[in-house]
Amino acid sequence: MSPTTLAIIPARGGSKGIPRKNLKDLAGKPLLAWTIEQALATPGLDVYVSTEDAEIAAVSRTAGAGVIERPDELAQDTTATEPVVEHAIDVLTEQGHRPDQVMLLQATCLLYTSDAADDMQCV
């Protein structure tokens, strides 16, 4: 069995710098959809979005990603990324899907330089 790689995209609804930035239209689709589509085009990735926001969850599912419902306490301005990733791993493990590797992708990075999961870098 080949290793499973979880690509986790944290996307909360409460952005203050640019309100609702993950849902802003960019060339005809939400910002978040671009990152999801690139991740899904990369062989070997299980793509999930971690969010507390119903609209972001709906956009994520429409774009083809799984959704991990993030508790509100992990969706604050001061919440670090690490606990969000740990929560995602815990949820998937409880569902019987323990990834071998985890990759963090940012919705605000629209261009990754490789199509190989072990070599993706934000440009």
PDB file of N, CA and C in Angstrom:
ATOM      1  N   MET A   1       0.846  -1.184   0.000  1.00  0.00           N
ATOM      2  CA  MET A   1       0.000   0.000   0.000  1.00  0.00           C
ATOM      3  C   MET A   1       0.889   1.245   0.000  1.00  0.00           C
ATOM      4  N   SER A   2       0.581   2.189  -0.858  1.00  0.00           N
ATOM      5  CA  SER A   2       1.387   3.403  -0.933  1.00  0.00           C
ATOM      6  C   SER A   2       1.031   4.346   0.219  1.00  0.00           C
ATOM      7  N   PRO A   3       1.990   5.180   0.614  1.00  0.00           N
ATOM      8  CA  PRO A   3       1.715   6.113   1.714  1.00  0.00           C
ATOM      9  C   PRO A   3       0.613   7.107   1.347  1.00  0.00           C
ATOM     10  N   THR A   4      -0.152   7.492   2.340  1.00  0.00           N
ATOM     11  CA  THR A   4      -1.181   8.500   2.106  1.00  0.00           C
ATOM     12  C   THR A   4      -0.667   9.853   2.569  1.00  0.00           C
ATOM     13  N   THR A   5      -0.900  10.847   1.761  1.00  0.00           N
ATOM     14  CA  THR A   5      -0.492  12.208   2.096  1.00  0.00           C
ATOM     15  C   THR A   5      -1.730  13.079   2.210  1.00  0.00           C
ATOM     16  N   LEU A   6      -1.886  13.671   3.364  1.00  0.00           N
ATOM     17  CA  LEU A   6      -2.986  14.595   3.619  1.00  0.00           C
ATOM     18  C   LEU A   6      -2.533  15.996   3.269  1.00  0.00           C
ATOM     19  N   ALA A   7      -3.256  16.639   2.377  1.00  0.00           N
ATOM     20  CA  ALA A   7      -3.035  18.053   2.086  1.00  0.00           C
ATOM     21  C   ALA A   7      -4.129  18.809   2.833  1.00  0.00           C
ATOM     22  N   ILE A   8      -3.731  19.570   3.838  1.00  0.00           N
ATOM     23  CA  ILE A   8      -4.697  20.310   4.646  1.00  0.00           C
ATOM     24  C   ILE A   8      -4.608  21.787   4.283  1.00  0.00           C
ATOM     25  N   ILE A   9      -5.755  22.373   4.004  1.00  0.00           N
ATOM     26  CA  ILE A   9      -5.843  23.790   3.653  1.00  0.00           C
ATOM     27  C   ILE A   9      -6.676  24.477   4.728  1.00  0.00           C
ATOM     28  N   PRO A  10      -6.035  25.229   5.633  1.00  0.00           N
ATOM     29  CA  PRO A  10      -6.819  25.959   6.631  1.00  0.00           C
ATOM     30  C   PRO A  10      -7.480  27.173   5.980  1.00  0.00           C
ATOM     31  N   ALA A  11      -8.765  27.346   6.214  1.00  0.00           N
ATOM     32  CA  ALA A  11      -9.487  28.477   5.617  1.00  0.00           C
ATOM     33  C   ALA A  11     -10.605  28.889   6.564  1.00  0.00           C
ATOM     34  N   ARG A  12     -10.362  29.922   7.325  1.00  0.00           N
ATOM     35  CA  ARG A  12     -11.405  30.365   8.249  1.00  0.00           C
ATOM     36  C   ARG A  12     -12.195  31.518   7.646  1.00  0.00           C
ATOM     37  N   GLY A  13     -13.362  31.710   8.147  1.00  0.00           N
ATOM     38  CA  GLY A  13     -14.237  32.733   7.608  1.00  0.00           C
ATOM     39  C   GLY A  13     -14.013  34.119   8.172  1.00  0.00           C
ATOM     40  N   GLY A  14     -13.251  34.239   9.236  1.00  0.00           N
ATOM     41  CA  GLY A  14     -13.144  35.518   9.925  1.00  0.00           C
ATOM     42  C   GLY A  14     -11.940  36.373   9.579  1.00  0.00           C
ATOM     43  N   SER A  15     -11.456  36.314   8.372  1.00  0.00           N
ATOM     44  CA  SER A  15     -10.312  37.134   7.979  1.00  0.00           C
ATOM     45  C   SER A  15     -10.619  38.613   8.202  1.00  0.00           C
ATOM     46  N   LYS A  16      -9.685  39.315   8.814  1.00  0.00           N
ATOM     47  CA  LYS A  16      -9.907  40.732   9.092  1.00  0.00           C
ATOM     48  C   LYS A  16      -9.206  41.645   8.089  1.00  0.00           C
ATOM     49  N   GLY A  17      -8.018  41.247   7.624  1.00  0.00           N
ATOM     50  CA  GLY A  17      -7.290  42.093   6.677  1.00  0.00           C
ATOM     51  C   GLY A  17      -8.073  42.299   5.392  1.00  0.00           C
ATOM     52  N   ILE A  18      -8.544  41.210   4.832  1.00  0.00           N
ATOM     53  CA  ILE A  18      -9.417  41.228   3.656  1.00  0.00           C
ATOM     54  C   ILE A  18     -10.605  40.337   4.013  1.00  0.00           C
ATOM     55  N   PRO A  19     -11.699  40.925   4.454  1.00  0.00           N
ATOM     56  CA  PRO A  19     -12.848  40.123   4.878  1.00  0.00           C
ATOM     57  C   PRO A  19     -13.299  39.124   3.802  1.00  0.00           C
ATOM     58  N   ARG A  20     -13.500  37.884   4.250  1.00  0.00           N
ATOM     59  CA  ARG A  20     -13.977  36.786   3.393  1.00  0.00           C
ATOM     60  C   ARG A  20     -13.018  36.499   2.234  1.00  0.00           C
ATOM     61  N   LYS A  21     -11.710  36.723   2.452  1.00  0.00           N
ATOM     62  CA  LYS A  21     -10.730  36.610   1.370  1.00  0.00           C
ATOM     63  C   LYS A  21     -10.720  35.249   0.693  1.00  0.00           C
ATOM     64  N   ASN A  22     -10.962  34.177   1.434  1.00  0.00           N
ATOM     65  CA  ASN A  22     -10.923  32.848   0.829  1.00  0.00           C
ATOM     66  C   ASN A  22     -12.035  32.621  -0.187  1.00  0.00           C
ATOM     67  N   LEU A  23     -13.066  33.463  -0.129  1.00  0.00           N
ATOM     68  CA  LEU A  23     -14.194  33.346  -1.045  1.00  0.00           C
ATOM     69  C   LEU A  23     -14.202  34.418  -2.130  1.00  0.00           C
ATOM     70  N   LYS A  24     -13.240  35.334  -2.084  1.00  0.00           N
ATOM     71  CA  LYS A  24     -13.191  36.400  -3.094  1.00  0.00           C
ATOM     72  C   LYS A  24     -13.003  35.809  -4.486  1.00  0.00           C
ATOM     73  N   ASP A  25     -13.708  36.383  -5.439  1.00  0.00           N
ATOM     74  CA  ASP A  25     -13.619  35.937  -6.823  1.00  0.00           C
ATOM     75  C   ASP A  25     -12.269  36.319  -7.416  1.00  0.00           C
ATOM     76  N   LEU A  26     -11.637  35.339  -8.029  1.00  0.00           N
ATOM     77  CA  LEU A  26     -10.386  35.567  -8.734  1.00  0.00           C
ATOM     78  C   LEU A  26     -10.486  34.841 -10.065  1.00  0.00           C
ATOM     79  N   ALA A  27     -10.590  35.605 -11.131  1.00  0.00           N
ATOM     80  CA  ALA A  27     -10.694  35.042 -12.484  1.00  0.00           C
ATOM     81  C   ALA A  27     -11.829  34.028 -12.590  1.00  0.00           C
ATOM     82  N   GLY A  28     -12.955  34.354 -11.974  1.00  0.00           N
ATOM     83  CA  GLY A  28     -14.145  33.552 -12.156  1.00  0.00           C
ATOM     84  C   GLY A  28     -14.426  32.469 -11.136  1.00  0.00           C
ATOM     85  N   LYS A  29     -13.565  32.325 -10.133  1.00  0.00           N
ATOM     86  CA  LYS A  29     -13.843  31.347  -9.088  1.00  0.00           C
ATOM     87  C   LYS A  29     -13.256  31.825  -7.759  1.00  0.00           C
ATOM     88  N   PRO A  30     -13.740  31.264  -6.662  1.00  0.00           N
ATOM     89  CA  PRO A  30     -13.232  31.687  -5.357  1.00  0.00           C
ATOM     90  C   PRO A  30     -11.741  31.398  -5.207  1.00  0.00           C
ATOM     91  N   LEU A  31     -11.059  32.274  -4.499  1.00  0.00           N
ATOM     92  CA  LEU A  31      -9.630  32.129  -4.243  1.00  0.00           C
ATOM     93  C   LEU A  31      -9.300  30.718  -3.766  1.00  0.00           C
ATOM     94  N   LEU A  32     -10.049  30.225  -2.811  1.00  0.00           N
ATOM     95  CA  LEU A  32      -9.815  28.901  -2.246  1.00  0.00           C
ATOM     96  C   LEU A  32      -9.877  27.795  -3.289  1.00  0.00           C
ATOM     97  N   ALA A  33     -10.753  27.916  -4.266  1.00  0.00           N
ATOM     98  CA  ALA A  33     -10.915  26.875  -5.284  1.00  0.00           C
ATOM     99  C   ALA A  33      -9.636  26.654  -6.083  1.00  0.00           C
ATOM    100  N   TRP A  34      -8.870  27.700  -6.313  1.00  0.00           N
ATOM    101  CA  TRP A  34      -7.616  27.557  -7.073  1.00  0.00           C
ATOM    102  C   TRP A  34      -6.652  26.605  -6.375  1.00  0.00           C
ATOM    103  N   THR A  35      -6.466  26.786  -5.069  1.00  0.00           N
ATOM    104  CA  THR A  35      -5.548  25.928  -4.323  1.00  0.00           C
ATOM    105  C   THR A  35      -6.077  24.503  -4.265  1.00  0.00           C
ATOM    106  N   ILE A  36      -7.377  24.343  -4.038  1.00  0.00           N
ATOM    107  CA  ILE A  36      -7.966  23.003  -4.009  1.00  0.00           C
ATOM    108  C   ILE A  36      -7.734  22.294  -5.341  1.00  0.00           C
ATOM    109  N   GLU A  37      -7.995  22.977  -6.439  1.00  0.00           N
ATOM    110  CA  GLU A  37      -7.842  22.354  -7.758  1.00  0.00           C
ATOM    111  C   GLU A  37      -6.399  21.954  -8.033  1.00  0.00           C
ATOM    112  N   GLN A  38      -5.442  22.795  -7.645  1.00  0.00           N
ATOM    113  CA  GLN A  38      -4.038  22.425  -7.835  1.00  0.00           C
ATOM    114  C   GLN A  38      -3.686  21.207  -7.001  1.00  0.00           C
ATOM    115  N   ALA A  39      -4.155  21.170  -5.771  1.00  0.00           N
ATOM    116  CA  ALA A  39      -3.863  20.030  -4.904  1.00  0.00           C
ATOM    117  C   ALA A  39      -4.482  18.753  -5.461  1.00  0.00           C
ATOM    118  N   LEU A  40      -5.723  18.831  -5.918  1.00  0.00           N
ATOM    119  CA  LEU A  40      -6.392  17.652  -6.466  1.00  0.00           C
ATOM    120  C   LEU A  40      -5.723  17.150  -7.745  1.00  0.00           C
ATOM    121  N   ALA A  41      -5.047  18.035  -8.457  1.00  0.00           N
ATOM    122  CA  ALA A  41      -4.344  17.641  -9.682  1.00  0.00           C
ATOM    123  C   ALA A  41      -3.009  16.967  -9.389  1.00  0.00           C
ATOM    124  N   THR A  42      -2.615  16.950  -8.130  1.00  0.00           N
ATOM    125  CA  THR A  42      -1.351  16.345  -7.728  1.00  0.00           C
ATOM    126  C   THR A  42      -1.601  14.908  -7.277  1.00  0.00           C
ATOM    127  N   PRO A  43      -1.025  13.941  -7.953  1.00  0.00           N
ATOM    128  CA  PRO A  43      -1.257  12.543  -7.593  1.00  0.00           C
ATOM    129  C   PRO A  43      -0.853  12.252  -6.147  1.00  0.00           C
ATOM    130  N   GLY A  44      -1.669  11.443  -5.483  1.00  0.00           N
ATOM    131  CA  GLY A  44      -1.319  10.965  -4.152  1.00  0.00           C
ATOM    132  C   GLY A  44      -1.764  11.826  -2.995  1.00  0.00           C
ATOM    133  N   LEU A  45      -2.494  12.905  -3.245  1.00  0.00           N
ATOM    134  CA  LEU A  45      -2.934  13.769  -2.157  1.00  0.00           C
ATOM    135  C   LEU A  45      -4.399  13.530  -1.809  1.00  0.00           C
ATOM    136  N   ASP A  46      -4.671  13.466  -0.514  1.00  0.00           N
ATOM    137  CA  ASP A  46      -6.033  13.508  -0.002  1.00  0.00           C
ATOM    138  C   ASP A  46      -6.241  14.939   0.471  1.00  0.00           C
ATOM    139  N   VAL A  47      -7.110  15.672  -0.181  1.00  0.00           N
ATOM    140  CA  VAL A  47      -7.233  17.115   0.037  1.00  0.00           C
ATOM    141  C   VAL A  47      -8.426  17.421   0.941  1.00  0.00           C
ATOM    142  N   TYR A  48      -8.135  18.140   2.029  1.00  0.00           N
ATOM    143  CA  TYR A  48      -9.159  18.550   2.987  1.00  0.00           C
ATOM    144  C   TYR A  48      -8.985  20.022   3.324  1.00  0.00           C
ATOM    145  N   VAL A  49     -10.112  20.694   3.522  1.00  0.00           N
ATOM    146  CA  VAL A  49     -10.118  22.069   4.003  1.00  0.00           C
ATOM    147  C   VAL A  49     -10.620  22.038   5.438  1.00  0.00           C
ATOM    148  N   SER A  50      -9.907  22.718   6.315  1.00  0.00           N
ATOM    149  CA  SER A  50     -10.324  22.862   7.711  1.00  0.00           C
ATOM    150  C   SER A  50     -10.958  24.231   7.863  1.00  0.00           C
ATOM    151  N   THR A  51     -12.237  24.253   8.256  1.00  0.00           N
ATOM    152  CA  THR A  51     -12.932  25.529   8.380  1.00  0.00           C
ATOM    153  C   THR A  51     -14.056  25.443   9.400  1.00  0.00           C
ATOM    154  N   GLU A  52     -14.429  26.604   9.923  1.00  0.00           N
ATOM    155  CA  GLU A  52     -15.585  26.733  10.805  1.00  0.00           C
ATOM    156  C   GLU A  52     -16.745  27.383  10.072  1.00  0.00           C
ATOM    157  N   ASP A  53     -16.529  27.713   8.799  1.00  0.00           N
ATOM    158  CA  ASP A  53     -17.455  28.526   8.037  1.00  0.00           C
ATOM    159  C   ASP A  53     -18.259  27.677   7.040  1.00  0.00           C
ATOM    160  N   ALA A  54     -19.590  27.764   7.110  1.00  0.00           N
ATOM    161  CA  ALA A  54     -20.454  26.948   6.251  1.00  0.00           C
ATOM    162  C   ALA A  54     -20.277  27.267   4.767  1.00  0.00           C
ATOM    163  N   GLU A  55     -20.114  28.528   4.424  1.00  0.00           N
ATOM    164  CA  GLU A  55     -19.957  28.895   3.011  1.00  0.00           C
ATOM    165  C   GLU A  55     -18.622  28.397   2.466  1.00  0.00           C
ATOM    166  N   ILE A  56     -17.561  28.525   3.252  1.00  0.00           N
ATOM    167  CA  ILE A  56     -16.255  28.006   2.833  1.00  0.00           C
ATOM    168  C   ILE A  56     -16.333  26.487   2.677  1.00  0.00           C
ATOM    169  N   ALA A  57     -17.027  25.822   3.593  1.00  0.00           N
ATOM    170  CA  ALA A  57     -17.195  24.368   3.494  1.00  0.00           C
ATOM    171  C   ALA A  57     -17.912  23.994   2.193  1.00  0.00           C
ATOM    172  N   ALA A  58     -18.963  24.721   1.852  1.00  0.00           N
ATOM    173  CA  ALA A  58     -19.716  24.431   0.629  1.00  0.00           C
ATOM    174  C   ALA A  58     -18.848  24.641  -0.614  1.00  0.00           C
ATOM    175  N   VAL A  59     -18.104  25.731  -0.660  1.00  0.00           N
ATOM    176  CA  VAL A  59     -17.211  25.993  -1.795  1.00  0.00           C
ATOM    177  C   VAL A  59     -16.153  24.896  -1.883  1.00  0.00           C
ATOM    178  N   SER A  60     -15.622  24.474  -0.760  1.00  0.00           N
ATOM    179  CA  SER A  60     -14.597  23.424  -0.733  1.00  0.00           C
ATOM    180  C   SER A  60     -15.134  22.120  -1.291  1.00  0.00           C
ATOM    181  N   ARG A  61     -16.326  21.736  -0.861  1.00  0.00           N
ATOM    182  CA  ARG A  61     -16.930  20.492  -1.363  1.00  0.00           C
ATOM    183  C   ARG A  61     -17.205  20.582  -2.863  1.00  0.00           C
ATOM    184  N   THR A  62     -17.709  21.731  -3.296  1.00  0.00           N
ATOM    185  CA  THR A  62     -17.981  21.924  -4.723  1.00  0.00           C
ATOM    186  C   THR A  62     -16.707  21.799  -5.549  1.00  0.00           C
ATOM    187  N   ALA A  63     -15.595  22.280  -4.998  1.00  0.00           N
ATOM    188  CA  ALA A  63     -14.313  22.209  -5.701  1.00  0.00           C
ATOM    189  C   ALA A  63     -13.686  20.818  -5.617  1.00  0.00           C
ATOM    190  N   GLY A  64     -14.252  19.937  -4.782  1.00  0.00           N
ATOM    191  CA  GLY A  64     -13.769  18.558  -4.729  1.00  0.00           C
ATOM    192  C   GLY A  64     -13.004  18.165  -3.484  1.00  0.00           C
ATOM    193  N   ALA A  65     -12.845  19.068  -2.534  1.00  0.00           N
ATOM    194  CA  ALA A  65     -12.108  18.752  -1.310  1.00  0.00           C
ATOM    195  C   ALA A  65     -13.026  18.175  -0.248  1.00  0.00           C
ATOM    196  N   GLY A  66     -12.443  17.413   0.653  1.00  0.00           N
ATOM    197  CA  GLY A  66     -13.147  17.021   1.854  1.00  0.00           C
ATOM    198  C   GLY A  66     -13.130  18.194   2.813  1.00  0.00           C
ATOM    199  N   VAL A  67     -14.009  18.172   3.796  1.00  0.00           N
ATOM    200  CA  VAL A  67     -14.083  19.262   4.761  1.00  0.00           C
ATOM    201  C   VAL A  67     -13.963  18.707   6.169  1.00  0.00           C
ATOM    202  N   ILE A  68     -13.145  19.349   6.960  1.00  0.00           N
ATOM    203  CA  ILE A  68     -13.030  19.049   8.382  1.00  0.00           C
ATOM    204  C   ILE A  68     -13.616  20.239   9.116  1.00  0.00           C
ATOM    205  N   GLU A  69     -14.674  19.990   9.857  1.00  0.00           N
ATOM    206  CA  GLU A  69     -15.324  21.063  10.598  1.00  0.00           C
ATOM    207  C   GLU A  69     -14.472  21.441  11.799  1.00  0.00           C
ATOM    208  N   ARG A  70     -13.972  22.670  11.755  1.00  0.00           N
ATOM    209  CA  ARG A  70     -13.081  23.168  12.784  1.00  0.00           C
ATOM    210  C   ARG A  70     -13.890  23.823  13.903  1.00  0.00           C
ATOM    211  N   PRO A  71     -13.581  23.501  15.159  1.00  0.00           N
ATOM    212  CA  PRO A  71     -14.297  24.164  16.254  1.00  0.00           C
ATOM    213  C   PRO A  71     -13.949  25.651  16.317  1.00  0.00           C
ATOM    214  N   ASP A  72     -14.893  26.442  16.800  1.00  0.00           N
ATOM    215  CA  ASP A  72     -14.698  27.897  16.870  1.00  0.00           C
ATOM    216  C   ASP A  72     -13.439  28.295  17.635  1.00  0.00           C
ATOM    217  N   GLU A  73     -13.087  27.530  18.663  1.00  0.00           N
ATOM    218  CA  GLU A  73     -11.889  27.894  19.439  1.00  0.00           C
ATOM    219  C   GLU A  73     -10.597  27.744  18.635  1.00  0.00           C
ATOM    220  N   LEU A  74     -10.660  27.034  17.511  1.00  0.00           N
ATOM    221  CA  LEU A  74      -9.495  26.927  16.620  1.00  0.00           C
ATOM    222  C   LEU A  74      -9.634  27.823  15.390  1.00  0.00           C
ATOM    223  N   ALA A  75     -10.518  28.805  15.470  1.00  0.00           N
ATOM    224  CA  ALA A  75     -10.748  29.710  14.335  1.00  0.00           C
ATOM    225  C   ALA A  75     -10.668  31.169  14.772  1.00  0.00           C
ATOM    226  N   GLN A  76      -9.822  31.427  15.742  1.00  0.00           N
ATOM    227  CA  GLN A  76      -9.668  32.790  16.257  1.00  0.00           C
ATOM    228  C   GLN A  76      -8.494  33.490  15.570  1.00  0.00           C
ATOM    229  N   ASP A  77      -8.451  34.807  15.683  1.00  0.00           N
ATOM    230  CA  ASP A  77      -7.348  35.585  15.108  1.00  0.00           C
ATOM    231  C   ASP A  77      -5.990  35.120  15.628  1.00  0.00           C
ATOM    232  N   THR A  78      -5.960  34.669  16.868  1.00  0.00           N
ATOM    233  CA  THR A  78      -4.700  34.302  17.516  1.00  0.00           C
ATOM    234  C   THR A  78      -4.379  32.812  17.424  1.00  0.00           C
ATOM    235  N   THR A  79      -5.223  32.040  16.779  1.00  0.00           N
ATOM    236  CA  THR A  79      -4.995  30.598  16.684  1.00  0.00           C
ATOM    237  C   THR A  79      -3.813  30.311  15.763  1.00  0.00           C
ATOM    238  N   ALA A  80      -2.859  29.544  16.271  1.00  0.00           N
ATOM    239  CA  ALA A  80      -1.714  29.118  15.463  1.00  0.00           C
ATOM    240  C   ALA A  80      -2.162  28.028  14.489  1.00  0.00           C
ATOM    241  N   THR A  81      -1.379  27.796  13.467  1.00  0.00           N
ATOM    242  CA  THR A  81      -1.708  26.800  12.451  1.00  0.00           C
ATOM    243  C   THR A  81      -1.547  25.372  12.977  1.00  0.00           C
ATOM    244  N   GLU A  82      -0.560  25.134  13.819  1.00  0.00           N
ATOM    245  CA  GLU A  82      -0.260  23.771  14.275  1.00  0.00           C
ATOM    246  C   GLU A  82      -1.460  23.080  14.929  1.00  0.00           C
ATOM    247  N   PRO A  83      -2.176  23.738  15.867  1.00  0.00           N
ATOM    248  CA  PRO A  83      -3.329  23.050  16.447  1.00  0.00           C
ATOM    249  C   PRO A  83      -4.433  22.748  15.431  1.00  0.00           C
ATOM    250  N   VAL A  84      -4.542  23.562  14.397  1.00  0.00           N
ATOM    251  CA  VAL A  84      -5.533  23.320  13.340  1.00  0.00           C
ATOM    252  C   VAL A  84      -5.165  22.047  12.582  1.00  0.00           C
ATOM    253  N   VAL A  85      -3.896  21.888  12.260  1.00  0.00           N
ATOM    254  CA  VAL A  85      -3.426  20.693  11.559  1.00  0.00           C
ATOM    255  C   VAL A  85      -3.577  19.466  12.458  1.00  0.00           C
ATOM    256  N   GLU A  86      -3.212  19.603  13.731  1.00  0.00           N
ATOM    257  CA  GLU A  86      -3.360  18.485  14.669  1.00  0.00           C
ATOM    258  C   GLU A  86      -4.825  18.057  14.778  1.00  0.00           C
ATOM    259  N   HIS A  87      -5.721  19.025  14.826  1.00  0.00           N
ATOM    260  CA  HIS A  87      -7.152  18.715  14.883  1.00  0.00           C
ATOM    261  C   HIS A  87      -7.576  17.937  13.640  1.00  0.00           C
ATOM    262  N   ALA A  88      -7.126  18.364  12.475  1.00  0.00           N
ATOM    263  CA  ALA A  88      -7.480  17.675  11.229  1.00  0.00           C
ATOM    264  C   ALA A  88      -6.996  16.226  11.255  1.00  0.00           C
ATOM    265  N   ILE A  89      -5.778  16.011  11.698  1.00  0.00           N
ATOM    266  CA  ILE A  89      -5.234  14.648  11.786  1.00  0.00           C
ATOM    267  C   ILE A  89      -6.060  13.823  12.768  1.00  0.00           C
ATOM    268  N   ASP A  90      -6.401  14.400  13.914  1.00  0.00           N
ATOM    269  CA  ASP A  90      -7.203  13.689  14.920  1.00  0.00           C
ATOM    270  C   ASP A  90      -8.559  13.283  14.359  1.00  0.00           C
ATOM    271  N   VAL A  91      -9.221  14.210  13.657  1.00  0.00           N
ATOM    272  CA  VAL A  91     -10.545  13.917  13.086  1.00  0.00           C
ATOM    273  C   VAL A  91     -10.450  12.776  12.086  1.00  0.00           C
ATOM    274  N   LEU A  92      -9.476  12.847  11.199  1.00  0.00           N
ATOM    275  CA  LEU A  92      -9.340  11.800  10.189  1.00  0.00           C
ATOM    276  C   LEU A  92      -8.960  10.462  10.816  1.00  0.00           C
ATOM    277  N   THR A  93      -8.129  10.493  11.845  1.00  0.00           N
ATOM    278  CA  THR A  93      -7.749   9.270  12.544  1.00  0.00           C
ATOM    279  C   THR A  93      -8.974   8.627  13.189  1.00  0.00           C
ATOM    280  N   GLU A  94      -9.818   9.432  13.798  1.00  0.00           N
ATOM    281  CA  GLU A  94     -11.057   8.922  14.400  1.00  0.00           C
ATOM    282  C   GLU A  94     -11.958   8.285  13.353  1.00  0.00           C
ATOM    283  N   GLN A  95     -11.852   8.754  12.113  1.00  0.00           N
ATOM    284  CA  GLN A  95     -12.655   8.203  11.017  1.00  0.00           C
ATOM    285  C   GLN A  95     -11.971   7.009  10.344  1.00  0.00           C
ATOM    286  N   GLY A  96     -10.816   6.593  10.903  1.00  0.00           N
ATOM    287  CA  GLY A  96     -10.099   5.445  10.366  1.00  0.00           C
ATOM    288  C   GLY A  96      -9.168   5.758   9.220  1.00  0.00           C
ATOM    289  N   HIS A  97      -8.801   7.007   9.069  1.00  0.00           N
ATOM    290  CA  HIS A  97      -7.937   7.433   7.950  1.00  0.00           C
ATOM    291  C   HIS A  97      -6.747   8.190   8.519  1.00  0.00           C
ATOM    292  N   ARG A  98      -5.732   7.462   8.935  1.00  0.00           N
ATOM    293  CA  ARG A  98      -4.530   8.080   9.497  1.00  0.00           C
ATOM    294  C   ARG A  98      -3.518   8.299   8.376  1.00  0.00           C
ATOM    295  N   PRO A  99      -3.214   9.568   8.043  1.00  0.00           N
ATOM    296  CA  PRO A  99      -2.254   9.828   6.967  1.00  0.00           C
ATOM    297  C   PRO A  99      -0.824   9.487   7.392  1.00  0.00           C
ATOM    298  N   ASP A 100      -0.010   9.115   6.415  1.00  0.00           N
ATOM    299  CA  ASP A 100       1.407   8.864   6.670  1.00  0.00           C
ATOM    300  C   ASP A 100       2.207  10.163   6.655  1.00  0.00           C
ATOM    301  N   GLN A 101       1.727  11.105   5.872  1.00  0.00           N
ATOM    302  CA  GLN A 101       2.399  12.393   5.719  1.00  0.00           C
ATOM    303  C   GLN A 101       1.345  13.492   5.699  1.00  0.00           C
ATOM    304  N   VAL A 102       1.761  14.678   6.093  1.00  0.00           N
ATOM    305  CA  VAL A 102       0.845  15.818   6.073  1.00  0.00           C
ATOM    306  C   VAL A 102       1.527  16.979   5.365  1.00  0.00           C
ATOM    307  N   MET A 103       0.777  17.604   4.472  1.00  0.00           N
ATOM    308  CA  MET A 103       1.263  18.764   3.744  1.00  0.00           C
ATOM    309  C   MET A 103       0.323  19.928   4.049  1.00  0.00           C
ATOM    310  N   LEU A 104       0.881  21.063   4.406  1.00  0.00           N
ATOM    311  CA  LEU A 104       0.097  22.263   4.667  1.00  0.00           C
ATOM    312  C   LEU A 104       0.108  23.133   3.421  1.00  0.00           C
ATOM    313  N   LEU A 105      -1.082  23.460   2.920  1.00  0.00           N
ATOM    314  CA  LEU A 105      -1.211  24.366   1.780  1.00  0.00           C
ATOM    315  C   LEU A 105      -1.996  25.589   2.231  1.00  0.00           C
ATOM    316  N   GLN A 106      -1.610  26.743   1.754  1.00  0.00           N
ATOM    317  CA  GLN A 106      -2.293  27.988   2.095  1.00  0.00           C
ATOM    318  C   GLN A 106      -3.194  28.402   0.938  1.00  0.00           C
ATOM    319  N   ALA A 107      -4.416  28.754   1.255  1.00  0.00           N
ATOM    320  CA  ALA A 107      -5.371  29.175   0.222  1.00  0.00           C
ATOM    321  C   ALA A 107      -4.897  30.418  -0.512  1.00  0.00           C
ATOM    322  N   THR A 108      -4.087  31.219   0.129  1.00  0.00           N
ATOM    323  CA  THR A 108      -3.624  32.466  -0.474  1.00  0.00           C
ATOM    324  C   THR A 108      -2.397  32.283  -1.366  1.00  0.00           C
ATOM    325  N   CYS A 109      -1.881  31.073  -1.453  1.00  0.00           N
ATOM    326  CA  CYS A 109      -0.786  30.786  -2.380  1.00  0.00           C
ATOM    327  C   CYS A 109      -1.403  30.101  -3.586  1.00  0.00           C
ATOM    328  N   LEU A 110      -1.428  30.795  -4.693  1.00  0.00           N
ATOM    329  CA  LEU A 110      -2.131  30.283  -5.861  1.00  0.00           C
ATOM    330  C   LEU A 110      -1.259  29.527  -6.843  1.00  0.00           C
ATOM    331  N   LEU A 111       0.030  29.562  -6.661  1.00  0.00           N
ATOM    332  CA  LEU A 111       0.917  28.918  -7.619  1.00  0.00           C
ATOM    333  C   LEU A 111       1.929  28.062  -6.880  1.00  0.00           C
ATOM    334  N   TYR A 112       1.868  26.777  -7.149  1.00  0.00           N
ATOM    335  CA  TYR A 112       2.838  25.837  -6.605  1.00  0.00           C
ATOM    336  C   TYR A 112       3.708  25.363  -7.755  1.00  0.00           C
ATOM    337  N   THR A 113       5.017  25.149  -7.490  1.00  0.00           N
ATOM    338  CA  THR A 113       5.979  24.922  -8.553  1.00  0.00           C
ATOM    339  C   THR A 113       6.105  23.493  -9.041  1.00  0.00           C
ATOM    340  N   SER A 114       5.479  22.529  -8.403  1.00  0.00           N
ATOM    341  CA  SER A 114       5.669  21.147  -8.819  1.00  0.00           C
ATOM    342  C   SER A 114       4.347  20.407  -8.856  1.00  0.00           C
ATOM    343  N   ASP A 115       4.300  19.358  -9.643  1.00  0.00           N
ATOM    344  CA  ASP A 115       3.112  18.519  -9.643  1.00  0.00           C
ATOM    345  C   ASP A 115       3.347  17.249  -8.823  1.00  0.00           C
ATOM    346  N   ALA A 116       4.463  17.181  -8.130  1.00  0.00           N
ATOM    347  CA  ALA A 116       4.768  16.045  -7.259  1.00  0.00           C
ATOM    348  C   ALA A 116       4.536  16.458  -5.809  1.00  0.00           C
ATOM    349  N   ALA A 117       3.812  15.636  -5.081  1.00  0.00           N
ATOM    350  CA  ALA A 117       3.442  15.979  -3.702  1.00  0.00           C
ATOM    351  C   ALA A 117       4.651  16.225  -2.814  1.00  0.00           C
ATOM    352  N   ASP A 118       5.759  15.534  -3.069  1.00  0.00           N
ATOM    353  CA  ASP A 118       6.930  15.704  -2.197  1.00  0.00           C
ATOM    354  C   ASP A 118       7.785  16.894  -2.591  1.00  0.00           C
ATOM    355  N   ASP A 119       7.356  17.668  -3.577  1.00  0.00           N
ATOM    356  CA  ASP A 119       8.175  18.769  -4.065  1.00  0.00           C
ATOM    357  C   ASP A 119       7.393  20.070  -4.251  1.00  0.00           C
ATOM    358  N   MET A 120       6.145  20.127  -3.784  1.00  0.00           N
ATOM    359  CA  MET A 120       5.330  21.346  -3.986  1.00  0.00           C
ATOM    360  C   MET A 120       5.859  22.489  -3.146  1.00  0.00           C
ATOM    361  N   GLN A 121       6.022  23.635  -3.779  1.00  0.00           N
ATOM    362  CA  GLN A 121       6.461  24.835  -3.089  1.00  0.00           C
ATOM    363  C   GLN A 121       5.637  26.017  -3.577  1.00  0.00           C
ATOM    364  N   CYS A 122       5.263  26.873  -2.628  1.00  0.00           N
ATOM    365  CA  CYS A 122       4.522  28.076  -2.973  1.00  0.00           C
ATOM    366  C   CYS A 122       5.456  29.087  -3.617  1.00  0.00           C
ATOM    367  N   VAL A 123       5.017  29.678  -4.706  1.00  0.00           N
ATOM    368  CA  VAL A 123       5.826  30.688  -5.388  1.00  0.00           C
ATOM    369  C   VAL A 123       5.273  32.047  -5.063  1.00  0.00           C
TER     370      VAL A 123
END
